[in-house]
Protein backbone atom coordinates (compact mmCIF):
# COMPACT_ATOMS: atom_id res chain seq x y z
CA UNK A 1 0.00 0.00 0.00
CA UNK A 2 2.80 2.43 0.89
CA UNK A 3 4.58 1.63 -2.38
CA UNK A 4 1.39 2.36 -4.32
CA UNK A 5 1.09 5.67 -2.46
CA UNK A 6 4.68 6.67 -3.25
CA UNK A 7 4.34 6.00 -6.99
CA UNK A 8 0.98 7.79 -7.18
CA UNK A 9 -1.12 4.69 -7.81
CA UNK A 10 -3.10 4.96 -4.56
CA UNK A 11 -5.71 7.68 -3.99
CA UNK A 12 -4.53 9.72 -1.00
CA UNK A 13 -8.17 10.30 -0.04
CA UNK A 14 -8.46 6.59 0.71
CA UNK A 15 -5.40 6.19 2.93
CA UNK A 16 -7.05 6.85 6.34
CA UNK A 17 -9.93 4.49 5.48
CA UNK A 18 -7.64 1.74 4.21
CA UNK A 19 -5.58 1.91 7.39
CA UNK A 20 -8.75 1.59 9.47
CA UNK A 21 -9.73 -1.57 7.60
CA UNK A 22 -6.27 -3.08 7.94
CA UNK A 23 -6.31 -2.36 11.69
CA UNK A 24 -9.39 -4.59 12.01
CA UNK A 25 -8.14 -8.14 12.82
CA UNK A 26 -10.35 -9.98 10.33
CA UNK A 27 -10.48 -7.55 7.38
CA UNK A 28 -8.35 -6.02 4.67
CA UNK A 29 -9.06 -4.05 1.52
CA UNK A 30 -8.52 -4.97 -2.10
CA UNK A 31 -8.90 -2.67 -5.13
CA UNK A 32 -10.53 0.63 -4.23
CA UNK A 33 -11.26 4.07 -5.70
CA UNK A 34 -12.11 7.37 -4.01
CA UNK A 35 -14.37 8.43 -6.89
CA UNK A 36 -13.42 9.73 -10.30
CA UNK A 37 -14.37 11.63 -13.43
CA UNK A 38 -13.47 9.89 -16.69
CA UNK A 39 -13.91 10.31 -20.41
CA UNK A 40 -14.26 6.97 -22.16
CA UNK A 41 -14.13 6.34 -25.91
CA UNK A 42 -16.41 3.31 -26.33
CA UNK A 43 -19.68 2.17 -27.94
CA UNK A 44 -21.35 1.86 -24.53
CA UNK A 45 -20.33 3.52 -21.26
CA UNK A 46 -20.14 0.18 -19.44
CA UNK A 47 -18.09 -1.58 -22.14
CA UNK A 48 -14.77 -2.99 -20.98
CA UNK A 49 -13.28 -4.90 -23.90
CA UNK A 50 -13.33 -2.02 -26.38
CA UNK A 51 -13.04 0.95 -24.05
CA UNK A 52 -10.32 3.56 -24.21
CA UNK A 53 -10.07 5.77 -21.11
CA UNK A 54 -8.83 9.04 -22.57
CA UNK A 55 -9.12 11.10 -19.37
CA UNK A 56 -9.28 10.29 -15.66
CA UNK A 57 -9.17 12.45 -12.54
CA UNK A 58 -9.90 11.73 -8.89
CA UNK A 59 -10.23 15.45 -8.10
CA UNK A 60 -12.35 18.30 -9.43
CA UNK A 61 -11.84 19.17 -13.10
CA UNK A 62 -11.90 22.34 -15.20
CA UNK A 63 -13.29 23.28 -18.60
CA UNK A 64 -9.78 23.30 -20.06
CA UNK A 65 -9.31 19.67 -19.02
CA UNK A 66 -12.27 18.60 -21.16
CA UNK A 67 -11.65 20.95 -24.08
CA UNK A 68 -8.16 19.48 -24.40
CA UNK A 69 -9.69 16.02 -24.87
CA UNK A 70 -12.37 17.26 -27.27
CA UNK A 71 -9.65 18.56 -29.59
CA UNK A 72 -8.69 14.96 -30.31
CA UNK A 73 -10.61 12.64 -32.69
CA UNK A 74 -13.26 10.31 -31.28
CA UNK A 75 -13.11 6.73 -32.55
CA UNK A 76 -16.45 5.43 -31.21
CA UNK A 77 -18.51 7.50 -28.76
CA UNK A 78 -17.14 9.80 -26.10
CA UNK A 79 -18.80 9.35 -22.70
CA UNK A 80 -18.48 11.69 -19.72
CA UNK A 81 -18.70 9.54 -16.59
CA UNK A 82 -18.75 10.39 -12.89
CA UNK A 83 -18.44 7.49 -10.45
CA UNK A 84 -18.57 7.67 -6.67
CA UNK A 85 -16.16 5.89 -4.34
CA UNK A 86 -15.98 2.10 -4.31
CA UNK A 87 -14.12 -0.02 -1.76
CA UNK A 88 -13.61 -3.77 -1.85
CA UNK A 89 -13.12 -5.40 1.52
CA UNK A 90 -12.28 -9.03 2.27
CA UNK A 91 -13.21 -10.34 5.68
CA UNK A 92 -12.82 -13.75 7.30
CA UNK A 93 -15.96 -13.73 9.46
CA UNK A 94 -19.68 -13.38 8.81
CA UNK A 95 -20.16 -11.24 11.91
CA UNK A 96 -17.42 -8.85 10.78
CA UNK A 97 -18.98 -8.64 7.31
CA UNK A 98 -22.32 -7.64 8.86
CA UNK A 99 -20.65 -4.98 11.01
CA UNK A 100 -18.84 -3.47 8.03
CA UNK A 101 -22.00 -3.37 5.94
CA UNK A 102 -23.89 -1.62 8.76
CA UNK A 103 -21.07 0.91 9.12
CA UNK A 104 -20.96 1.51 5.35
CA UNK A 105 -24.70 1.97 5.00
CA UNK A 106 -24.78 4.42 7.89
CA UNK A 107 -22.04 6.44 6.15
CA UNK A 108 -24.07 6.71 2.93
CA UNK A 109 -22.73 3.68 1.06
CA UNK A 110 -26.30 2.47 0.49
CA UNK A 111 -25.49 0.17 -2.44
CA UNK A 112 -23.08 -2.02 -0.50
CA UNK A 113 -23.30 -5.78 -0.35
CA UNK A 114 -21.60 -9.17 -0.58
CA UNK A 115 -19.97 -9.94 -3.93
CA UNK A 116 -18.77 -13.47 -3.25
CA UNK A 117 -17.82 -16.01 -0.59
CA UNK A 118 -14.57 -17.87 -1.19
CA UNK A 119 -12.36 -20.05 1.00
CA UNK A 120 -9.21 -18.27 -0.18
CA UNK A 121 -10.46 -14.67 -0.37
CA UNK A 122 -13.05 -14.89 2.40
CA UNK A 123 -16.23 -12.84 2.21
CA UNK A 124 -15.76 -10.17 -0.44
CA UNK A 125 -17.72 -6.97 0.18
CA UNK A 126 -18.28 -4.11 -2.23
CA UNK A 127 -19.00 -0.73 -0.63
CA UNK A 128 -20.76 1.64 -3.05
CA UNK A 129 -22.58 4.95 -2.72
CA UNK A 130 -24.73 4.81 -5.85
CA UNK A 131 -23.26 8.13 -7.03
CA UNK A 132 -22.99 8.02 -10.83
CA UNK A 133 -23.61 10.21 -13.86
CA UNK A 134 -23.14 9.38 -17.54
CA UNK A 135 -23.45 11.82 -20.45
CA UNK A 136 -22.70 11.33 -24.15
CA UNK A 137 -20.41 14.14 -25.39
CA UNK A 138 -19.57 13.20 -28.97
CA UNK A 139 -20.03 10.61 -31.72
CA UNK A 140 -16.92 10.43 -33.87
CA UNK A 141 -16.56 13.93 -35.36
CA UNK A 142 -19.90 15.28 -34.12
CA UNK A 143 -19.90 17.19 -30.82
CA UNK A 144 -23.24 16.88 -28.99
CA UNK A 145 -22.81 19.67 -26.45
CA UNK A 146 -21.87 23.35 -26.63
CA UNK A 147 -19.40 25.06 -24.33
CA UNK A 148 -22.01 26.71 -22.09
CA UNK A 149 -23.76 23.39 -21.43
CA UNK A 150 -20.38 21.73 -20.92
CA UNK A 151 -19.59 24.20 -18.13
CA UNK A 152 -22.85 23.26 -16.41
CA UNK A 153 -22.06 19.57 -16.82
CA UNK A 154 -18.60 20.03 -15.30
CA UNK A 155 -19.99 21.92 -12.30
CA UNK A 156 -22.49 19.13 -11.63
CA UNK A 157 -19.76 16.49 -12.06
CA UNK A 158 -17.54 18.25 -9.52
CA UNK A 159 -20.48 18.53 -7.13
CA UNK A 160 -21.18 14.79 -7.36
CA UNK A 161 -17.51 13.94 -6.93
CA UNK A 162 -17.36 16.12 -3.81
CA UNK A 163 -20.45 14.39 -2.43
CA UNK A 164 -18.58 11.10 -2.73
CA UNK A 165 -15.58 12.56 -0.89
CA UNK A 166 -17.87 13.68 1.95
CA UNK A 167 -19.25 10.16 2.25
CA UNK A 168 -15.69 8.85 2.47
CA UNK A 169 -15.14 11.20 5.42
CA UNK A 170 -18.31 9.87 7.04
CA UNK A 171 -17.15 6.30 6.46
CA UNK A 172 -13.82 7.08 8.11
CA UNK A 173 -15.55 8.57 11.16
CA UNK A 174 -17.88 5.57 11.45
CA UNK A 175 -14.96 3.15 11.23
CA UNK A 176 -13.09 5.08 13.92
CA UNK A 177 -16.11 5.12 16.21
CA UNK A 178 -16.76 1.41 15.67
CA UNK A 179 -13.24 0.06 15.97
CA UNK A 180 -12.99 -3.49 17.39
CA UNK A 181 -11.74 -3.64 21.01
CA UNK A 182 -8.50 -5.26 19.87
CA UNK A 183 -6.62 -4.00 16.80
CA UNK A 184 -4.41 -6.10 14.55
CA UNK A 185 -1.12 -6.14 16.46
CA UNK A 186 1.02 -6.81 13.39
CA UNK A 187 -0.40 -3.79 11.58
CA UNK A 188 -0.01 -1.52 14.60
CA UNK A 189 3.63 -2.64 15.03
CA UNK A 190 4.32 -2.17 11.32
CA UNK A 191 2.94 1.37 11.35
CA UNK A 192 4.78 2.12 14.56
CA UNK A 193 8.10 0.96 13.13
CA UNK A 194 7.62 3.29 10.19
CA UNK A 195 6.82 6.13 12.60
CA UNK A 196 3.55 6.50 10.74
CA UNK A 197 0.99 5.38 13.25
CA UNK A 198 1.28 8.36 15.61
CA UNK A 199 1.38 10.78 12.71
CA UNK A 200 -1.71 9.15 11.33
CA UNK A 201 -3.53 9.46 14.63
CA UNK A 202 -2.50 13.11 14.99
CA UNK A 203 -3.80 13.97 11.51
CA UNK A 204 -7.10 12.17 11.85
CA UNK A 205 -7.97 12.32 15.55
């Protein structure tokens, strides 16, 4: 996780939450995202096999960001997509899974649930907010939106992204308030050796 953070692969917004999950004795996180705004060149916005992500940001965007992309040719259809935060958590116990789902739903992650149950990966949970917006911007060489409407779209996208960030803050607070009585000793010792645990507590207490 720390290596991913150093190379810029990990969303910094997620770090406090990921640490909270790792401190829980029977849980750890897998792939996660703090929410993002993307432009995808694909026939359908949910396509995966033939999708080209031409723009991606986990923070608020500007008009210039989008205009820069619109200057380039569109191969299929250009979709403007806002997605809220998503966190995948693996836990080894049913009771722990129930606790995490209750915490997540209280924090506004209303679309959370169990993805799978596996002997190797445990109980895999997906924590979702339901925040999402999709808008078609262009079809090949035909632009379907003017600049004034694009500004409105960007403002709404930034608003939705910020809403997701606020729910992440709520999730962090709920996790802190509902910590198990005993934390994972190995994780605490690891953080302590790196002189990160106290700094983390100071920043987020």
